[in-house]
Amino acid sequence: MPDFTGMKLTALAFFYPVLLSADSLHCTLPVGVSTSELAAGIDGDTLSVTWTGERNAVLRARFAIDRGTPVIRDLSAKTGAGAWTTLGRDLIPEFTTISGVRREAHGLAYDHRWDVF
């Protein structure tokens, strides 16, 4: 069975800018995005991405923008024809950035200068 990991990451990278937009959801899906392993679609104001996980579980992530904030409407999973099990609902991503200045006065050898963090 082919490895679709790269395709999944590419699809998520394609849709990620939509999540960061402050406007309402506007997304154009190119032809050929859907396969038996990975599918994406828009239903109203929600972008839905489904893919096949381990042991043939079907996984789903649904994204939206709520008052300018990207929201993960739900993360869900199911096996076979069973009902969706919600793993998380109305999740708001948090983004953090830490910056600093690298100095050499820490007494470590050049090869270990990053160990101070």
PDB file of N, CA and C in Angstrom:
ATOM      1  N   MET A   1       0.848  -1.169   0.000  1.00  0.00           N
ATOM      2  CA  MET A   1       0.000   0.000   0.000  1.00  0.00           C
ATOM      3  C   MET A   1       0.897   1.237   0.000  1.00  0.00           C
ATOM      4  N   PRO A   2       0.635   2.216  -0.875  1.00  0.00           N
ATOM      5  CA  PRO A   2       1.466   3.407  -0.938  1.00  0.00           C
ATOM      6  C   PRO A   2       1.354   4.249   0.326  1.00  0.00           C
ATOM      7  N   ASP A   3       2.418   4.991   0.611  1.00  0.00           N
ATOM      8  CA  ASP A   3       2.443   5.871   1.773  1.00  0.00           C
ATOM      9  C   ASP A   3       1.882   7.234   1.371  1.00  0.00           C
ATOM     10  N   PHE A   4       0.780   7.657   1.987  1.00  0.00           N
ATOM     11  CA  PHE A   4       0.140   8.921   1.659  1.00  0.00           C
ATOM     12  C   PHE A   4       0.497  10.016   2.652  1.00  0.00           C
ATOM     13  N   THR A   5       1.506   9.796   3.508  1.00  0.00           N
ATOM     14  CA  THR A   5       1.876  10.781   4.511  1.00  0.00           C
ATOM     15  C   THR A   5       2.225  12.111   3.878  1.00  0.00           C
ATOM     16  N   GLY A   6       3.058  12.091   2.826  1.00  0.00           N
ATOM     17  CA  GLY A   6       3.436  13.334   2.154  1.00  0.00           C
ATOM     18  C   GLY A   6       2.236  14.044   1.564  1.00  0.00           C
ATOM     19  N   MET A   7       1.300  13.269   0.990  1.00  0.00           N
ATOM     20  CA  MET A   7       0.101  13.858   0.400  1.00  0.00           C
ATOM     21  C   MET A   7      -0.757  14.504   1.483  1.00  0.00           C
ATOM     22  N   LYS A   8      -0.856  13.848   2.645  1.00  0.00           N
ATOM     23  CA  LYS A   8      -1.653  14.392   3.734  1.00  0.00           C
ATOM     24  C   LYS A   8      -1.050  15.698   4.229  1.00  0.00           C
ATOM     25  N   LEU A   9       0.271  15.722   4.404  1.00  0.00           N
ATOM     26  CA  LEU A   9       0.927  16.935   4.860  1.00  0.00           C
ATOM     27  C   LEU A   9       0.783  18.058   3.846  1.00  0.00           C
ATOM     28  N   THR A  10       0.867  17.716   2.550  1.00  0.00           N
ATOM     29  CA  THR A  10       0.703  18.719   1.506  1.00  0.00           C
ATOM     30  C   THR A  10      -0.712  19.289   1.541  1.00  0.00           C
ATOM     31  N   ALA A  11      -1.698  18.436   1.696  1.00  0.00           N
ATOM     32  CA  ALA A  11      -3.085  18.898   1.754  1.00  0.00           C
ATOM     33  C   ALA A  11      -3.316  19.791   2.959  1.00  0.00           C
ATOM     34  N   LEU A  12      -2.776  19.400   4.124  1.00  0.00           N
ATOM     35  CA  LEU A  12      -2.953  20.222   5.312  1.00  0.00           C
ATOM     36  C   LEU A  12      -2.224  21.552   5.164  1.00  0.00           C
ATOM     37  N   ALA A  13      -1.047  21.546   4.543  1.00  0.00           N
ATOM     38  CA  ALA A  13      -0.316  22.789   4.303  1.00  0.00           C
ATOM     39  C   ALA A  13      -1.102  23.690   3.347  1.00  0.00           C
ATOM     40  N   PHE A  14      -1.801  23.078   2.390  1.00  0.00           N
ATOM     41  CA  PHE A  14      -2.618  23.839   1.442  1.00  0.00           C
ATOM     42  C   PHE A  14      -3.781  24.530   2.157  1.00  0.00           C
ATOM     43  N   PHE A  15      -4.396  23.856   3.109  1.00  0.00           N
ATOM     44  CA  PHE A  15      -5.570  24.399   3.774  1.00  0.00           C
ATOM     45  C   PHE A  15      -5.230  25.250   4.987  1.00  0.00           C
ATOM     46  N   TYR A  16      -4.011  25.166   5.515  1.00  0.00           N
ATOM     47  CA  TYR A  16      -3.636  25.879   6.730  1.00  0.00           C
ATOM     48  C   TYR A  16      -3.805  27.390   6.610  1.00  0.00           C
ATOM     49  N   PRO A  17      -3.410  28.034   5.476  1.00  0.00           N
ATOM     50  CA  PRO A  17      -3.615  29.484   5.380  1.00  0.00           C
ATOM     51  C   PRO A  17      -5.080  29.884   5.513  1.00  0.00           C
ATOM     52  N   VAL A  18      -5.983  29.031   5.116  1.00  0.00           N
ATOM     53  CA  VAL A  18      -7.414  29.318   5.261  1.00  0.00           C
ATOM     54  C   VAL A  18      -7.753  29.477   6.736  1.00  0.00           C
ATOM     55  N   LEU A  19      -7.123  28.688   7.587  1.00  0.00           N
ATOM     56  CA  LEU A  19      -7.416  28.736   9.016  1.00  0.00           C
ATOM     57  C   LEU A  19      -6.924  30.023   9.658  1.00  0.00           C
ATOM     58  N   LEU A  20      -5.890  30.628   9.095  1.00  0.00           N
ATOM     59  CA  LEU A  20      -5.322  31.831   9.680  1.00  0.00           C
ATOM     60  C   LEU A  20      -5.990  33.107   9.175  1.00  0.00           C
ATOM     61  N   SER A  21      -6.843  32.993   8.202  1.00  0.00           N
ATOM     62  CA  SER A  21      -7.499  34.157   7.625  1.00  0.00           C
ATOM     63  C   SER A  21      -8.489  34.761   8.609  1.00  0.00           C
ATOM     64  N   ALA A  22      -8.579  36.094   8.621  1.00  0.00           N
ATOM     65  CA  ALA A  22      -9.539  36.768   9.488  1.00  0.00           C
ATOM     66  C   ALA A  22     -10.887  36.941   8.801  1.00  0.00           C
ATOM     67  N   ASP A  23     -10.965  36.635   7.531  1.00  0.00           N
ATOM     68  CA  ASP A  23     -12.207  36.757   6.780  1.00  0.00           C
ATOM     69  C   ASP A  23     -13.027  35.491   6.914  1.00  0.00           C
ATOM     70  N   SER A  24     -14.238  35.537   6.349  1.00  0.00           N
ATOM     71  CA  SER A  24     -15.035  34.321   6.324  1.00  0.00           C
ATOM     72  C   SER A  24     -14.341  33.290   5.430  1.00  0.00           C
ATOM     73  N   LEU A  25     -14.756  32.061   5.540  1.00  0.00           N
ATOM     74  CA  LEU A  25     -14.097  30.965   4.837  1.00  0.00           C
ATOM     75  C   LEU A  25     -14.313  31.068   3.333  1.00  0.00           C
ATOM     76  N   HIS A  26     -13.226  31.258   2.602  1.00  0.00           N
ATOM     77  CA  HIS A  26     -13.232  31.246   1.146  1.00  0.00           C
ATOM     78  C   HIS A  26     -12.139  30.281   0.733  1.00  0.00           C
ATOM     79  N   CYS A  27     -12.516  29.193   0.113  1.00  0.00           N
ATOM     80  CA  CYS A  27     -11.542  28.169  -0.230  1.00  0.00           C
ATOM     81  C   CYS A  27     -11.908  27.566  -1.571  1.00  0.00           C
ATOM     82  N   THR A  28     -10.907  27.433  -2.433  1.00  0.00           N
ATOM     83  CA  THR A  28     -11.100  26.783  -3.718  1.00  0.00           C
ATOM     84  C   THR A  28     -10.330  25.476  -3.684  1.00  0.00           C
ATOM     85  N   LEU A  29     -11.022  24.393  -3.906  1.00  0.00           N
ATOM     86  CA  LEU A  29     -10.375  23.084  -3.897  1.00  0.00           C
ATOM     87  C   LEU A  29      -9.953  22.716  -5.311  1.00  0.00           C
ATOM     88  N   PRO A  30      -8.671  22.474  -5.526  1.00  0.00           N
ATOM     89  CA  PRO A  30      -8.222  22.078  -6.859  1.00  0.00           C
ATOM     90  C   PRO A  30      -8.718  20.684  -7.218  1.00  0.00           C
ATOM     91  N   VAL A  31      -8.786  20.414  -8.508  1.00  0.00           N
ATOM     92  CA  VAL A  31      -9.201  19.101  -8.985  1.00  0.00           C
ATOM     93  C   VAL A  31      -8.156  18.077  -8.554  1.00  0.00           C
ATOM     94  N   GLY A  32      -8.581  16.917  -8.132  1.00  0.00           N
ATOM     95  CA  GLY A  32      -7.665  15.839  -7.782  1.00  0.00           C
ATOM     96  C   GLY A  32      -7.253  15.805  -6.326  1.00  0.00           C
ATOM     97  N   VAL A  33      -7.883  16.616  -5.457  1.00  0.00           N
ATOM     98  CA  VAL A  33      -7.537  16.603  -4.043  1.00  0.00           C
ATOM     99  C   VAL A  33      -8.042  15.324  -3.380  1.00  0.00           C
ATOM    100  N   SER A  34      -9.204  14.841  -3.782  1.00  0.00           N
ATOM    101  CA  SER A  34      -9.793  13.676  -3.138  1.00  0.00           C
ATOM    102  C   SER A  34      -9.245  12.373  -3.711  1.00  0.00           C
ATOM    103  N   THR A  35      -8.906  11.456  -2.801  1.00  0.00           N
ATOM    104  CA  THR A  35      -8.522  10.093  -3.150  1.00  0.00           C
ATOM    105  C   THR A  35      -9.262   9.173  -2.190  1.00  0.00           C
ATOM    106  N   SER A  36      -9.046   7.888  -2.315  1.00  0.00           N
ATOM    107  CA  SER A  36      -9.682   6.978  -1.358  1.00  0.00           C
ATOM    108  C   SER A  36      -9.038   7.103   0.023  1.00  0.00           C
ATOM    109  N   GLU A  37      -7.831   7.670   0.113  1.00  0.00           N
ATOM    110  CA  GLU A  37      -7.125   7.822   1.379  1.00  0.00           C
ATOM    111  C   GLU A  37      -7.270   9.211   1.987  1.00  0.00           C
ATOM    112  N   LEU A  38      -7.570  10.211   1.167  1.00  0.00           N
ATOM    113  CA  LEU A  38      -7.624  11.596   1.618  1.00  0.00           C
ATOM    114  C   LEU A  38      -8.682  12.347   0.826  1.00  0.00           C
ATOM    115  N   ALA A  39      -9.565  13.070   1.533  1.00  0.00           N
ATOM    116  CA  ALA A  39     -10.608  13.838   0.850  1.00  0.00           C
ATOM    117  C   ALA A  39     -10.827  15.151   1.576  1.00  0.00           C
ATOM    118  N   ALA A  40     -11.221  16.169   0.834  1.00  0.00           N
ATOM    119  CA  ALA A  40     -11.520  17.475   1.408  1.00  0.00           C
ATOM    120  C   ALA A  40     -12.762  18.030   0.741  1.00  0.00           C
ATOM    121  N   GLY A  41     -13.536  18.768   1.497  1.00  0.00           N
ATOM    122  CA  GLY A  41     -14.732  19.372   0.947  1.00  0.00           C
ATOM    123  C   GLY A  41     -15.206  20.523   1.807  1.00  0.00           C
ATOM    124  N   ILE A  42     -16.050  21.368   1.235  1.00  0.00           N
ATOM    125  CA  ILE A  42     -16.591  22.516   1.953  1.00  0.00           C
ATOM    126  C   ILE A  42     -18.091  22.331   2.085  1.00  0.00           C
ATOM    127  N   ASP A  43     -18.575  22.520   3.311  1.00  0.00           N
ATOM    128  CA  ASP A  43     -20.001  22.455   3.586  1.00  0.00           C
ATOM    129  C   ASP A  43     -20.372  23.744   4.317  1.00  0.00           C
ATOM    130  N   GLY A  44     -20.953  24.693   3.589  1.00  0.00           N
ATOM    131  CA  GLY A  44     -21.281  25.987   4.186  1.00  0.00           C
ATOM    132  C   GLY A  44     -20.021  26.746   4.551  1.00  0.00           C
ATOM    133  N   ASP A  45     -19.821  26.999   5.850  1.00  0.00           N
ATOM    134  CA  ASP A  45     -18.648  27.733   6.311  1.00  0.00           C
ATOM    135  C   ASP A  45     -17.604  26.820   6.948  1.00  0.00           C
ATOM    136  N   THR A  46     -17.665  25.519   6.621  1.00  0.00           N
ATOM    137  CA  THR A  46     -16.760  24.553   7.252  1.00  0.00           C
ATOM    138  C   THR A  46     -15.977  23.779   6.197  1.00  0.00           C
ATOM    139  N   LEU A  47     -14.661  23.729   6.397  1.00  0.00           N
ATOM    140  CA  LEU A  47     -13.777  22.917   5.566  1.00  0.00           C
ATOM    141  C   LEU A  47     -13.582  21.589   6.276  1.00  0.00           C
ATOM    142  N   SER A  48     -13.891  20.500   5.607  1.00  0.00           N
ATOM    143  CA  SER A  48     -13.787  19.167   6.198  1.00  0.00           C
ATOM    144  C   SER A  48     -12.713  18.371   5.465  1.00  0.00           C
ATOM    145  N   VAL A  49     -11.782  17.795   6.230  1.00  0.00           N
ATOM    146  CA  VAL A  49     -10.724  16.955   5.670  1.00  0.00           C
ATOM    147  C   VAL A  49     -10.834  15.588   6.339  1.00  0.00           C
ATOM    148  N   THR A  50     -10.934  14.534   5.536  1.00  0.00           N
ATOM    149  CA  THR A  50     -10.978  13.166   6.064  1.00  0.00           C
ATOM    150  C   THR A  50      -9.831  12.372   5.467  1.00  0.00           C
ATOM    151  N   TRP A  51      -9.313  11.428   6.249  1.00  0.00           N
ATOM    152  CA  TRP A  51      -8.229  10.584   5.781  1.00  0.00           C
ATOM    153  C   TRP A  51      -8.274   9.252   6.516  1.00  0.00           C
ATOM    154  N   THR A  52      -7.586   8.286   5.962  1.00  0.00           N
ATOM    155  CA  THR A  52      -7.528   6.959   6.554  1.00  0.00           C
ATOM    156  C   THR A  52      -6.336   6.893   7.490  1.00  0.00           C
ATOM    157  N   GLY A  53      -6.579   6.459   8.717  1.00  0.00           N
ATOM    158  CA  GLY A  53      -5.529   6.346   9.721  1.00  0.00           C
ATOM    159  C   GLY A  53      -5.117   4.896   9.909  1.00  0.00           C
ATOM    160  N   GLU A  54      -4.525   4.627  11.066  1.00  0.00           N
ATOM    161  CA  GLU A  54      -4.085   3.270  11.378  1.00  0.00           C
ATOM    162  C   GLU A  54      -5.271   2.327  11.495  1.00  0.00           C
ATOM    163  N   ARG A  55      -5.033   1.088  11.141  1.00  0.00           N
ATOM    164  CA  ARG A  55      -6.041   0.028  11.221  1.00  0.00           C
ATOM    165  C   ARG A  55      -7.333   0.421  10.511  1.00  0.00           C
ATOM    166  N   ASN A  56      -7.195   1.179   9.401  1.00  0.00           N
ATOM    167  CA  ASN A  56      -8.321   1.596   8.561  1.00  0.00           C
ATOM    168  C   ASN A  56      -9.353   2.460   9.276  1.00  0.00           C
ATOM    169  N   ALA A  57      -8.961   3.118  10.363  1.00  0.00           N
ATOM    170  CA  ALA A  57      -9.859   4.083  11.000  1.00  0.00           C
ATOM    171  C   ALA A  57      -9.989   5.288  10.077  1.00  0.00           C
ATOM    172  N   VAL A  58     -11.175   5.867  10.018  1.00  0.00           N
ATOM    173  CA  VAL A  58     -11.396   7.076   9.230  1.00  0.00           C
ATOM    174  C   VAL A  58     -11.341   8.251  10.202  1.00  0.00           C
ATOM    175  N   LEU A  59     -10.509   9.230   9.883  1.00  0.00           N
ATOM    176  CA  LEU A  59     -10.320  10.395  10.740  1.00  0.00           C
ATOM    177  C   LEU A  59     -10.838  11.636  10.027  1.00  0.00           C
ATOM    178  N   ARG A  60     -11.353  12.586  10.804  1.00  0.00           N
ATOM    179  CA  ARG A  60     -11.922  13.795  10.214  1.00  0.00           C
ATOM    180  C   ARG A  60     -11.546  15.010  11.052  1.00  0.00           C
ATOM    181  N   ALA A  61     -11.183  16.078  10.366  1.00  0.00           N
ATOM    182  CA  ALA A  61     -10.958  17.376  11.000  1.00  0.00           C
ATOM    183  C   ALA A  61     -11.812  18.384  10.245  1.00  0.00           C
ATOM    184  N   ARG A  62     -12.593  19.176  10.985  1.00  0.00           N
ATOM    185  CA  ARG A  62     -13.431  20.200  10.359  1.00  0.00           C
ATOM    186  C   ARG A  62     -13.016  21.565  10.904  1.00  0.00           C
ATOM    187  N   PHE A  63     -12.725  22.479   9.962  1.00  0.00           N
ATOM    188  CA  PHE A  63     -12.190  23.787  10.297  1.00  0.00           C
ATOM    189  C   PHE A  63     -13.169  24.886   9.900  1.00  0.00           C
ATOM    190  N   ALA A  64     -13.161  25.975  10.650  1.00  0.00           N
ATOM    191  CA  ALA A  64     -14.001  27.142  10.329  1.00  0.00           C
ATOM    192  C   ALA A  64     -13.329  28.390  10.874  1.00  0.00           C
ATOM    193  N   ILE A  65     -13.924  29.523  10.570  1.00  0.00           N
ATOM    194  CA  ILE A  65     -13.467  30.796  11.116  1.00  0.00           C
ATOM    195  C   ILE A  65     -14.653  31.408  11.836  1.00  0.00           C
ATOM    196  N   ASP A  66     -14.484  31.679  13.123  1.00  0.00           N
ATOM    197  CA  ASP A  66     -15.555  32.204  13.957  1.00  0.00           C
ATOM    198  C   ASP A  66     -15.153  33.594  14.452  1.00  0.00           C
ATOM    199  N   ARG A  67     -15.810  34.637  13.947  1.00  0.00           N
ATOM    200  CA  ARG A  67     -15.504  36.032  14.298  1.00  0.00           C
ATOM    201  C   ARG A  67     -14.015  36.344  14.150  1.00  0.00           C
ATOM    202  N   GLY A  68     -13.431  35.905  13.033  1.00  0.00           N
ATOM    203  CA  GLY A  68     -12.036  36.192  12.733  1.00  0.00           C
ATOM    204  C   GLY A  68     -11.038  35.252  13.382  1.00  0.00           C
ATOM    205  N   THR A  69     -11.499  34.267  14.148  1.00  0.00           N
ATOM    206  CA  THR A  69     -10.613  33.335  14.842  1.00  0.00           C
ATOM    207  C   THR A  69     -10.722  31.956  14.204  1.00  0.00           C
ATOM    208  N   PRO A  70      -9.577  31.355  13.817  1.00  0.00           N
ATOM    209  CA  PRO A  70      -9.649  29.992  13.285  1.00  0.00           C
ATOM    210  C   PRO A  70     -10.084  29.020  14.382  1.00  0.00           C
ATOM    211  N   VAL A  71     -10.999  28.132  14.026  1.00  0.00           N
ATOM    212  CA  VAL A  71     -11.552  27.176  14.989  1.00  0.00           C
ATOM    213  C   VAL A  71     -11.531  25.783  14.370  1.00  0.00           C
ATOM    214  N   ILE A  72     -11.143  24.806  15.159  1.00  0.00           N
ATOM    215  CA  ILE A  72     -11.284  23.406  14.746  1.00  0.00           C
ATOM    216  C   ILE A  72     -12.638  22.968  15.287  1.00  0.00           C
ATOM    217  N   ARG A  73     -13.616  22.891  14.389  1.00  0.00           N
ATOM    218  CA  ARG A  73     -14.980  22.561  14.815  1.00  0.00           C
ATOM    219  C   ARG A  73     -15.026  21.211  15.522  1.00  0.00           C
ATOM    220  N   ASP A  74     -14.345  20.228  14.921  1.00  0.00           N
ATOM    221  CA  ASP A  74     -14.246  18.942  15.612  1.00  0.00           C
ATOM    222  C   ASP A  74     -13.135  18.102  15.010  1.00  0.00           C
ATOM    223  N   LEU A  75     -12.590  17.252  15.842  1.00  0.00           N
ATOM    224  CA  LEU A  75     -11.696  16.169  15.441  1.00  0.00           C
ATOM    225  C   LEU A  75     -12.440  14.895  15.782  1.00  0.00           C
ATOM    226  N   SER A  76     -12.655  14.029  14.787  1.00  0.00           N
ATOM    227  CA  SER A  76     -13.473  12.839  14.995  1.00  0.00           C
ATOM    228  C   SER A  76     -12.833  11.619  14.354  1.00  0.00           C
ATOM    229  N   ALA A  77     -13.270  10.447  14.804  1.00  0.00           N
ATOM    230  CA  ALA A  77     -12.774   9.183  14.254  1.00  0.00           C
ATOM    231  C   ALA A  77     -13.920   8.179  14.213  1.00  0.00           C
ATOM    232  N   LYS A  78     -13.812   7.244  13.285  1.00  0.00           N
ATOM    233  CA  LYS A  78     -14.777   6.141  13.239  1.00  0.00           C
ATOM    234  C   LYS A  78     -14.116   4.943  12.583  1.00  0.00           C
ATOM    235  N   THR A  79     -14.657   3.787  12.836  1.00  0.00           N
ATOM    236  CA  THR A  79     -14.189   2.564  12.189  1.00  0.00           C
ATOM    237  C   THR A  79     -15.334   1.976  11.398  1.00  0.00           C
ATOM    238  N   GLY A  80     -15.035   1.540  10.199  1.00  0.00           N
ATOM    239  CA  GLY A  80     -16.053   0.948   9.339  1.00  0.00           C
ATOM    240  C   GLY A  80     -17.216   1.890   9.114  1.00  0.00           C
ATOM    241  N   ALA A  81     -18.413   1.346   9.204  1.00  0.00           N
ATOM    242  CA  ALA A  81     -19.624   2.143   8.997  1.00  0.00           C
ATOM    243  C   ALA A  81     -20.175   2.675  10.314  1.00  0.00           C
ATOM    244  N   GLY A  82     -19.378   2.607  11.382  1.00  0.00           N
ATOM    245  CA  GLY A  82     -19.829   3.063  12.693  1.00  0.00           C
ATOM    246  C   GLY A  82     -20.046   4.564  12.754  1.00  0.00           C
ATOM    247  N   ALA A  83     -20.545   5.014  13.885  1.00  0.00           N
ATOM    248  CA  ALA A  83     -20.805   6.444  14.093  1.00  0.00           C
ATOM    249  C   ALA A  83     -19.495   7.166  14.409  1.00  0.00           C
ATOM    250  N   TRP A  84     -19.453   8.472  14.128  1.00  0.00           N
ATOM    251  CA  TRP A  84     -18.294   9.285  14.449  1.00  0.00           C
ATOM    252  C   TRP A  84     -18.167   9.443  15.960  1.00  0.00           C
ATOM    253  N   THR A  85     -16.944   9.299  16.457  1.00  0.00           N
ATOM    254  CA  THR A  85     -16.635   9.557  17.857  1.00  0.00           C
ATOM    255  C   THR A  85     -15.864  10.875  17.907  1.00  0.00           C
ATOM    256  N   THR A  86     -16.385  11.835  18.630  1.00  0.00           N
ATOM    257  CA  THR A  86     -15.748  13.150  18.704  1.00  0.00           C
ATOM    258  C   THR A  86     -14.599  13.107  19.698  1.00  0.00           C
ATOM    259  N   LEU A  87     -13.408  13.500  19.232  1.00  0.00           N
ATOM    260  CA  LEU A  87     -12.216  13.545  20.072  1.00  0.00           C
ATOM    261  C   LEU A  87     -12.003  14.937  20.655  1.00  0.00           C
ATOM    262  N   GLY A  88     -12.485  15.951  19.965  1.00  0.00           N
ATOM    263  CA  GLY A  88     -12.374  17.335  20.426  1.00  0.00           C
ATOM    264  C   GLY A  88     -13.352  18.191  19.657  1.00  0.00           C
ATOM    265  N   ARG A  89     -13.841  19.253  20.299  1.00  0.00           N
ATOM    266  CA  ARG A  89     -14.850  20.103  19.653  1.00  0.00           C
ATOM    267  C   ARG A  89     -14.570  21.568  19.969  1.00  0.00           C
ATOM    268  N   ASP A  90     -14.751  22.436  18.966  1.00  0.00           N
ATOM    269  CA  ASP A  90     -14.569  23.884  19.100  1.00  0.00           C
ATOM    270  C   ASP A  90     -13.228  24.239  19.746  1.00  0.00           C
ATOM    271  N   LEU A  91     -12.167  23.716  19.148  1.00  0.00           N
ATOM    272  CA  LEU A  91     -10.814  23.945  19.641  1.00  0.00           C
ATOM    273  C   LEU A  91     -10.239  25.197  18.984  1.00  0.00           C
ATOM    274  N   ILE A  92      -9.595  26.032  19.771  1.00  0.00           N
ATOM    275  CA  ILE A  92      -8.975  27.246  19.247  1.00  0.00           C
ATOM    276  C   ILE A  92      -7.466  27.081  19.384  1.00  0.00           C
ATOM    277  N   PRO A  93      -6.754  27.068  18.255  1.00  0.00           N
ATOM    278  CA  PRO A  93      -5.295  26.900  18.316  1.00  0.00           C
ATOM    279  C   PRO A  93      -4.631  28.079  19.019  1.00  0.00           C
ATOM    280  N   GLU A  94      -3.578  27.782  19.766  1.00  0.00           N
ATOM    281  CA  GLU A  94      -2.770  28.819  20.394  1.00  0.00           C
ATOM    282  C   GLU A  94      -1.396  28.793  19.757  1.00  0.00           C
ATOM    283  N   PHE A  95      -0.890  29.962  19.421  1.00  0.00           N
ATOM    284  CA  PHE A  95       0.409  30.073  18.778  1.00  0.00           C
ATOM    285  C   PHE A  95       1.343  30.815  19.718  1.00  0.00           C
ATOM    286  N   THR A  96       2.536  30.284  19.924  1.00  0.00           N
ATOM    287  CA  THR A  96       3.513  30.877  20.819  1.00  0.00           C
ATOM    288  C   THR A  96       4.847  30.990  20.107  1.00  0.00           C
ATOM    289  N   THR A  97       5.519  32.094  20.333  1.00  0.00           N
ATOM    290  CA  THR A  97       6.856  32.283  19.783  1.00  0.00           C
ATOM    291  C   THR A  97       7.781  32.712  20.913  1.00  0.00           C
ATOM    292  N   ILE A  98       8.935  32.097  20.985  1.00  0.00           N
ATOM    293  CA  ILE A  98       9.946  32.463  21.969  1.00  0.00           C
ATOM    294  C   ILE A  98      11.200  32.844  21.208  1.00  0.00           C
ATOM    295  N   SER A  99      11.764  33.974  21.550  1.00  0.00           N
ATOM    296  CA  SER A  99      12.993  34.388  20.888  1.00  0.00           C
ATOM    297  C   SER A  99      14.031  34.745  21.944  1.00  0.00           C
ATOM    298  N   GLY A 100      15.262  34.754  21.541  1.00  0.00           N
ATOM    299  CA  GLY A 100      16.339  35.083  22.459  1.00  0.00           C
ATOM    300  C   GLY A 100      17.597  35.413  21.690  1.00  0.00           C
ATOM    301  N   VAL A 101      18.615  35.782  22.415  1.00  0.00           N
ATOM    302  CA  VAL A 101      19.906  36.106  21.812  1.00  0.00           C
ATOM    303  C   VAL A 101      20.910  35.073  22.298  1.00  0.00           C
ATOM    304  N   ARG A 102      21.636  34.466  21.385  1.00  0.00           N
ATOM    305  CA  ARG A 102      22.635  33.459  21.727  1.00  0.00           C
ATOM    306  C   ARG A 102      23.937  34.170  22.077  1.00  0.00           C
ATOM    307  N   ARG A 103      24.411  33.990  23.282  1.00  0.00           N
ATOM    308  CA  ARG A 103      25.665  34.597  23.719  1.00  0.00           C
ATOM    309  C   ARG A 103      26.674  33.498  24.016  1.00  0.00           C
ATOM    310  N   GLU A 104      27.919  33.857  24.012  1.00  0.00           N
ATOM    311  CA  GLU A 104      28.964  32.867  24.267  1.00  0.00           C
ATOM    312  C   GLU A 104      29.468  32.906  25.703  1.00  0.00           C
ATOM    313  N   ALA A 105      28.893  33.702  26.567  1.00  0.00           N
ATOM    314  CA  ALA A 105      29.399  33.848  27.930  1.00  0.00           C
ATOM    315  C   ALA A 105      28.870  32.779  28.880  1.00  0.00           C
ATOM    316  N   HIS A 106      28.365  31.699  28.377  1.00  0.00           N
ATOM    317  CA  HIS A 106      27.791  30.662  29.235  1.00  0.00           C
ATOM    318  C   HIS A 106      28.809  29.608  29.642  1.00  0.00           C
ATOM    319  N   GLY A 107      30.020  29.675  29.131  1.00  0.00           N
ATOM    320  CA  GLY A 107      31.079  28.766  29.542  1.00  0.00           C
ATOM    321  C   GLY A 107      31.070  27.405  28.881  1.00  0.00           C
ATOM    322  N   LEU A 108      30.179  27.170  27.923  1.00  0.00           N
ATOM    323  CA  LEU A 108      30.124  25.883  27.247  1.00  0.00           C
ATOM    324  C   LEU A 108      30.983  25.917  25.990  1.00  0.00           C
ATOM    325  N   ALA A 109      31.468  24.745  25.601  1.00  0.00           N
ATOM    326  CA  ALA A 109      32.232  24.634  24.362  1.00  0.00           C
ATOM    327  C   ALA A 109      31.339  25.030  23.182  1.00  0.00           C
ATOM    328  N   TYR A 110      31.942  25.421  22.090  1.00  0.00           N
ATOM    329  CA  TYR A 110      31.217  25.881  20.910  1.00  0.00           C
ATOM    330  C   TYR A 110      30.182  24.855  20.448  1.00  0.00           C
ATOM    331  N   ASP A 111      30.550  23.557  20.469  1.00  0.00           N
ATOM    332  CA  ASP A 111      29.626  22.504  20.030  1.00  0.00           C
ATOM    333  C   ASP A 111      28.419  22.363  20.941  1.00  0.00           C
ATOM    334  N   HIS A 112      28.483  22.863  22.160  1.00  0.00           N
ATOM    335  CA  HIS A 112      27.383  22.723  23.129  1.00  0.00           C
ATOM    336  C   HIS A 112      26.712  24.052  23.465  1.00  0.00           C
ATOM    337  N   ARG A 113      26.925  25.077  22.639  1.00  0.00           N
ATOM    338  CA  ARG A 113      26.395  26.409  22.934  1.00  0.00           C
ATOM    339  C   ARG A 113      24.874  26.434  22.970  1.00  0.00           C
ATOM    340  N   TRP A 114      24.219  25.472  22.302  1.00  0.00           N
ATOM    341  CA  TRP A 114      22.754  25.449  22.295  1.00  0.00           C
ATOM    342  C   TRP A 114      22.186  24.760  23.533  1.00  0.00           C
ATOM    343  N   ASP A 115      23.022  24.134  24.321  1.00  0.00           N
ATOM    344  CA  ASP A 115      22.537  23.383  25.478  1.00  0.00           C
ATOM    345  C   ASP A 115      21.972  24.283  26.577  1.00  0.00           C
ATOM    346  N   VAL A 116      22.251  25.581  26.544  1.00  0.00           N
ATOM    347  CA  VAL A 116      21.747  26.465  27.596  1.00  0.00           C
ATOM    348  C   VAL A 116      20.233  26.643  27.543  1.00  0.00           C
ATOM    349  N   PHE A 117      19.631  26.333  26.391  1.00  0.00           N
ATOM    350  CA  PHE A 117      18.176  26.385  26.309  1.00  0.00           C
ATOM    351  C   PHE A 117      17.651  25.020  26.564  1.00  0.00           C
TER     352      PHE A 117
END
